Amino acid sequence: MNFFETVQTENTMKMSRVVHHLNEEVQLQSSFKLPVYEINKHSIAKSQQFDECYYVEQWGSVEAYLKYGIGYYAESEKGEIVAECTSIFRSREKANIDIYTRKVARGKGTATALVLAFVTECRKRNITPIWDCDEANVASMQLANKLGFSEVNRYHLYYKKNL
């Protein structure tokens, strides 16, 4: 038994991930009708998916995210957040996408509009957008491919189980 097999049985979990890069020649277009907004303190406070705890866990603080992160959201006509696309990680050269769309907004171009805004901002900053998802998340991989991202790598990571 190798180290990773041993580790996996001792309070850790294995996750298989797939990395996608955007094909540079892709020109994203969206027919989404509602406005897309940049993520801010107000949207973070009312988000059910990417809330303050998420940004503190991923970025150390909401302020750090607002200073260095990239992200957009869409609201329903009732003012509810229906989708968000944010940078879960960010370096000088790359920004990893984390995206969520509520069921009521799926299939309407919402995710496409948010990714378009995200990619546009990345290109302005000379940052490569990265789509990295769990290999079991077929819907995410299909969306990545639909939007012009291509698989470039697969890897495994190990993390500690919450006891």
C-alpha atoms as a PDB file:
ATOM      1  CA  MET A   1       0.000   0.000   0.000  1.00  0.00           C
ATOM      2  CA  ASN A   2       1.444   3.390  -0.947  1.00  0.00           C
ATOM      3  CA  PHE A   3       1.348   6.560   1.174  1.00  0.00           C
ATOM      4  CA  PHE A   4      -1.803   7.990  -0.418  1.00  0.00           C
ATOM      5  CA  GLU A   5      -3.768   4.762  -0.061  1.00  0.00           C
ATOM      6  CA  THR A   6      -2.744   4.664   3.591  1.00  0.00           C
ATOM      7  CA  VAL A   7      -3.642   8.318   4.135  1.00  0.00           C
ATOM      8  CA  GLN A   8      -7.030   7.888   2.512  1.00  0.00           C
ATOM      9  CA  THR A   9      -8.074   5.283   5.058  1.00  0.00           C
ATOM     10  CA  GLU A  10      -6.959   7.378   8.024  1.00  0.00           C
ATOM     11  CA  ASN A  11      -9.546  10.192   8.249  1.00  0.00           C
ATOM     12  CA  THR A  12      -8.845  11.626   4.810  1.00  0.00           C
ATOM     13  CA  MET A  13     -10.775  11.734   1.560  1.00  0.00           C
ATOM     14  CA  LYS A  14      -9.559  11.586  -2.019  1.00  0.00           C
ATOM     15  CA  MET A  15     -10.962  14.024  -4.566  1.00  0.00           C
ATOM     16  CA  SER A  16     -10.384  13.689  -8.306  1.00  0.00           C
ATOM     17  CA  ARG A  17     -10.272  16.998 -10.157  1.00  0.00           C
ATOM     18  CA  VAL A  18     -10.277  18.083 -13.802  1.00  0.00           C
ATOM     19  CA  VAL A  19      -8.573  21.302 -14.975  1.00  0.00           C
ATOM     20  CA  HIS A  20      -9.799  23.239 -18.028  1.00  0.00           C
ATOM     21  CA  HIS A  21      -8.196  26.225 -19.767  1.00  0.00           C
ATOM     22  CA  LEU A  22     -10.035  28.637 -22.008  1.00  0.00           C
ATOM     23  CA  ASN A  23      -9.195  28.434 -25.683  1.00  0.00           C
ATOM     24  CA  GLU A  24      -7.787  31.894 -26.400  1.00  0.00           C
ATOM     25  CA  GLU A  25      -9.601  32.298 -29.708  1.00  0.00           C
ATOM     26  CA  VAL A  26     -13.006  31.767 -28.088  1.00  0.00           C
ATOM     27  CA  GLN A  27     -15.261  34.802 -28.187  1.00  0.00           C
ATOM     28  CA  LEU A  28     -17.979  34.295 -25.591  1.00  0.00           C
ATOM     29  CA  GLN A  29     -21.424  35.687 -26.270  1.00  0.00           C
ATOM     30  CA  SER A  30     -24.481  35.797 -24.062  1.00  0.00           C
ATOM     31  CA  SER A  31     -28.177  36.348 -24.650  1.00  0.00           C
ATOM     32  CA  PHE A  32     -28.876  36.735 -20.915  1.00  0.00           C
ATOM     33  CA  LYS A  33     -31.408  39.525 -20.359  1.00  0.00           C
ATOM     34  CA  LEU A  34     -30.899  40.508 -16.718  1.00  0.00           C
ATOM     35  CA  PRO A  35     -27.961  42.701 -15.628  1.00  0.00           C
ATOM     36  CA  VAL A  36     -24.750  41.191 -14.275  1.00  0.00           C
ATOM     37  CA  TYR A  37     -23.178  42.863 -11.244  1.00  0.00           C
ATOM     38  CA  GLU A  38     -19.716  42.792  -9.711  1.00  0.00           C
ATOM     39  CA  ILE A  39     -19.619  40.945  -6.382  1.00  0.00           C
ATOM     40  CA  ASN A  40     -19.547  43.391  -3.460  1.00  0.00           C
ATOM     41  CA  LYS A  41     -20.118  43.443   0.317  1.00  0.00           C
ATOM     42  CA  HIS A  42     -23.883  43.702  -0.155  1.00  0.00           C
ATOM     43  CA  SER A  43     -24.089  40.686  -2.494  1.00  0.00           C
ATOM     44  CA  ILE A  44     -21.814  38.639  -0.222  1.00  0.00           C
ATOM     45  CA  ALA A  45     -24.088  39.434   2.738  1.00  0.00           C
ATOM     46  CA  LYS A  46     -27.173  38.186   0.903  1.00  0.00           C
ATOM     47  CA  SER A  47     -25.590  35.239  -0.926  1.00  0.00           C
ATOM     48  CA  GLN A  48     -26.691  31.754   0.040  1.00  0.00           C
ATOM     49  CA  GLN A  49     -23.802  30.067  -1.791  1.00  0.00           C
ATOM     50  CA  PHE A  50     -20.743  32.337  -1.598  1.00  0.00           C
ATOM     51  CA  ASP A  51     -21.331  34.070   1.707  1.00  0.00           C
ATOM     52  CA  GLU A  52     -18.948  35.764   4.131  1.00  0.00           C
ATOM     53  CA  CYS A  53     -17.827  32.406   5.595  1.00  0.00           C
ATOM     54  CA  TYR A  54     -16.853  31.227   2.104  1.00  0.00           C
ATOM     55  CA  TYR A  55     -14.660  34.287   1.472  1.00  0.00           C
ATOM     56  CA  VAL A  56     -13.094  34.158   4.928  1.00  0.00           C
ATOM     57  CA  GLU A  57     -12.259  30.473   4.401  1.00  0.00           C
ATOM     58  CA  GLN A  58     -10.898  30.943   0.861  1.00  0.00           C
ATOM     59  CA  TRP A  59      -9.376  34.434   1.067  1.00  0.00           C
ATOM     60  CA  GLY A  60      -8.819  35.103   4.753  1.00  0.00           C
ATOM     61  CA  SER A  61     -11.306  37.983   4.716  1.00  0.00           C
ATOM     62  CA  VAL A  62     -14.006  39.581   2.600  1.00  0.00           C
ATOM     63  CA  GLU A  63     -11.778  42.653   2.279  1.00  0.00           C
ATOM     64  CA  ALA A  64      -8.940  40.599   0.752  1.00  0.00           C
ATOM     65  CA  TYR A  65     -11.361  39.132  -1.781  1.00  0.00           C
ATOM     66  CA  LEU A  66     -12.809  42.536  -2.670  1.00  0.00           C
ATOM     67  CA  LYS A  67      -9.291  43.892  -3.207  1.00  0.00           C
ATOM     68  CA  TYR A  68      -7.853  41.005  -5.266  1.00  0.00           C
ATOM     69  CA  GLY A  69     -10.712  38.735  -6.353  1.00  0.00           C
ATOM     70  CA  ILE A  70     -12.836  38.693  -9.473  1.00  0.00           C
ATOM     71  CA  GLY A  71     -16.524  37.879  -9.374  1.00  0.00           C
ATOM     72  CA  TYR A  72     -19.987  38.551 -10.724  1.00  0.00           C
ATOM     73  CA  TYR A  73     -23.552  37.711  -9.822  1.00  0.00           C
ATOM     74  CA  ALA A  74     -27.034  37.892 -11.308  1.00  0.00           C
ATOM     75  CA  GLU A  75     -30.322  38.590  -9.568  1.00  0.00           C
ATOM     76  CA  SER A  76     -33.874  37.624 -10.334  1.00  0.00           C
ATOM     77  CA  GLU A  77     -36.436  40.339 -10.937  1.00  0.00           C
ATOM     78  CA  LYS A  78     -37.300  39.942  -7.235  1.00  0.00           C
ATOM     79  CA  GLY A  79     -33.731  40.858  -6.242  1.00  0.00           C
ATOM     80  CA  GLU A  80     -32.668  37.348  -5.223  1.00  0.00           C
ATOM     81  CA  ILE A  81     -29.199  36.172  -6.232  1.00  0.00           C
ATOM     82  CA  VAL A  82     -29.717  33.368  -8.755  1.00  0.00           C
ATOM     83  CA  ALA A  83     -26.124  32.791  -9.872  1.00  0.00           C
ATOM     84  CA  GLU A  84     -22.556  33.702  -8.948  1.00  0.00           C
ATOM     85  CA  CYS A  85     -19.171  33.299 -10.595  1.00  0.00           C
ATOM     86  CA  THR A  86     -16.189  34.108  -8.397  1.00  0.00           C
ATOM     87  CA  SER A  87     -12.474  33.463  -8.124  1.00  0.00           C
ATOM     88  CA  ILE A  88     -11.943  30.827  -5.463  1.00  0.00           C
ATOM     89  CA  PHE A  89      -8.166  31.230  -5.945  1.00  0.00           C
ATOM     90  CA  ARG A  90      -6.163  33.942  -7.639  1.00  0.00           C
ATOM     91  CA  SER A  91      -2.512  34.527  -8.415  1.00  0.00           C
ATOM     92  CA  ARG A  92      -0.849  37.171 -10.571  1.00  0.00           C
ATOM     93  CA  GLU A  93      -1.313  34.970 -13.634  1.00  0.00           C
ATOM     94  CA  LYS A  94      -4.384  32.796 -12.941  1.00  0.00           C
ATOM     95  CA  ALA A  95      -7.862  32.921 -11.431  1.00  0.00           C
ATOM     96  CA  ASN A  96      -9.772  29.744 -10.627  1.00  0.00           C
ATOM     97  CA  ILE A  97     -13.506  29.945 -11.284  1.00  0.00           C
ATOM     98  CA  ASP A  98     -16.089  28.872  -8.728  1.00  0.00           C
ATOM     99  CA  ILE A  99     -19.600  29.078 -10.123  1.00  0.00           C
ATOM    100  CA  TYR A 100     -23.075  28.291  -8.897  1.00  0.00           C
ATOM    101  CA  THR A 101     -26.449  28.712 -10.582  1.00  0.00           C
ATOM    102  CA  ARG A 102     -29.708  28.054  -8.748  1.00  0.00           C
ATOM    103  CA  LYS A 103     -32.082  25.634 -10.463  1.00  0.00           C
ATOM    104  CA  VAL A 104     -34.544  28.427 -11.334  1.00  0.00           C
ATOM    105  CA  ALA A 105     -31.858  30.156 -13.438  1.00  0.00           C
ATOM    106  CA  ARG A 106     -30.333  27.139 -15.205  1.00  0.00           C
ATOM    107  CA  GLY A 107     -30.625  26.801 -18.962  1.00  0.00           C
ATOM    108  CA  LYS A 108     -31.247  30.526 -19.445  1.00  0.00           C
ATOM    109  CA  GLY A 109     -27.728  31.730 -20.249  1.00  0.00           C
ATOM    110  CA  THR A 110     -27.088  33.006 -16.738  1.00  0.00           C
ATOM    111  CA  ALA A 111     -23.850  31.079 -16.191  1.00  0.00           C
ATOM    112  CA  THR A 112     -22.652  32.053 -19.663  1.00  0.00           C
ATOM    113  CA  ALA A 113     -23.203  35.737 -18.906  1.00  0.00           C
ATOM    114  CA  LEU A 114     -21.313  35.497 -15.614  1.00  0.00           C
ATOM    115  CA  VAL A 115     -18.411  33.582 -17.122  1.00  0.00           C
ATOM    116  CA  LEU A 116     -18.287  36.117 -19.970  1.00  0.00           C
ATOM    117  CA  ALA A 117     -17.947  38.948 -17.420  1.00  0.00           C
ATOM    118  CA  PHE A 118     -15.343  36.944 -15.466  1.00  0.00           C
ATOM    119  CA  VAL A 119     -13.285  36.127 -18.573  1.00  0.00           C
ATOM    120  CA  THR A 120     -13.510  39.711 -19.841  1.00  0.00           C
ATOM    121  CA  GLU A 121     -12.125  41.009 -16.535  1.00  0.00           C
ATOM    122  CA  CYS A 122      -9.396  38.346 -16.526  1.00  0.00           C
ATOM    123  CA  ARG A 123      -8.341  39.346 -20.037  1.00  0.00           C
ATOM    124  CA  LYS A 124      -8.220  43.035 -19.011  1.00  0.00           C
ATOM    125  CA  ARG A 125      -5.862  42.082 -16.161  1.00  0.00           C
ATOM    126  CA  ASN A 126      -3.844  39.625 -18.290  1.00  0.00           C
ATOM    127  CA  ILE A 127      -4.971  36.741 -16.059  1.00  0.00           C
ATOM    128  CA  THR A 128      -5.720  33.222 -17.290  1.00  0.00           C
ATOM    129  CA  PRO A 129      -9.142  31.953 -16.154  1.00  0.00           C
ATOM    130  CA  ILE A 130      -9.004  28.343 -14.934  1.00  0.00           C
ATOM    131  CA  TRP A 131     -12.002  25.990 -14.676  1.00  0.00           C
ATOM    132  CA  ASP A 132     -11.196  23.323 -12.100  1.00  0.00           C
ATOM    133  CA  CYS A 133     -13.961  20.952 -10.989  1.00  0.00           C
ATOM    134  CA  ASP A 134     -14.605  17.587  -9.436  1.00  0.00           C
ATOM    135  CA  GLU A 135     -14.548  14.864 -12.105  1.00  0.00           C
ATOM    136  CA  ALA A 136     -17.935  13.630 -10.863  1.00  0.00           C
ATOM    137  CA  ASN A 137     -19.469  17.031 -11.672  1.00  0.00           C
ATOM    138  CA  VAL A 138     -20.437  16.224 -15.255  1.00  0.00           C
ATOM    139  CA  ALA A 139     -22.660  19.305 -15.556  1.00  0.00           C
ATOM    140  CA  SER A 140     -19.720  21.584 -14.694  1.00  0.00           C
ATOM    141  CA  MET A 141     -17.447  19.892 -17.233  1.00  0.00           C
ATOM    142  CA  GLN A 142     -20.162  20.138 -19.900  1.00  0.00           C
ATOM    143  CA  LEU A 143     -20.628  23.841 -19.169  1.00  0.00           C
ATOM    144  CA  ALA A 144     -16.869  24.419 -19.292  1.00  0.00           C
ATOM    145  CA  ASN A 145     -16.681  22.726 -22.693  1.00  0.00           C
ATOM    146  CA  LYS A 146     -19.734  24.609 -23.988  1.00  0.00           C
ATOM    147  CA  LEU A 147     -18.074  27.894 -23.015  1.00  0.00           C
ATOM    148  CA  GLY A 148     -14.826  27.101 -24.832  1.00  0.00           C
ATOM    149  CA  PHE A 149     -12.732  25.597 -22.042  1.00  0.00           C
ATOM    150  CA  SER A 150     -10.763  22.434 -22.828  1.00  0.00           C
ATOM    151  CA  GLU A 151      -9.505  19.803 -20.437  1.00  0.00           C
ATOM    152  CA  VAL A 152      -5.764  20.091 -19.856  1.00  0.00           C
ATOM    153  CA  ASN A 153      -5.108  18.023 -16.736  1.00  0.00           C
ATOM    154  CA  ARG A 154      -6.516  15.655 -14.125  1.00  0.00           C
ATOM    155  CA  TYR A 155      -5.205  15.295 -10.606  1.00  0.00           C
ATOM    156  CA  HIS A 156      -6.102  13.994  -7.170  1.00  0.00           C
ATOM    157  CA  LEU A 157      -6.047  15.821  -3.893  1.00  0.00           C
ATOM    158  CA  TYR A 158      -6.473  14.532  -0.395  1.00  0.00           C
ATOM    159  CA  TYR A 159      -8.159  16.312   2.443  1.00  0.00           C
ATOM    160  CA  LYS A 160      -9.012  15.625   6.040  1.00  0.00           C
ATOM    161  CA  LYS A 161     -12.522  14.402   6.844  1.00  0.00           C
ATOM    162  CA  ASN A 162     -14.621  16.529   9.158  1.00  0.00           C
ATOM    163  CA  LEU A 163     -15.134  14.396  12.231  1.00  0.00           C
END
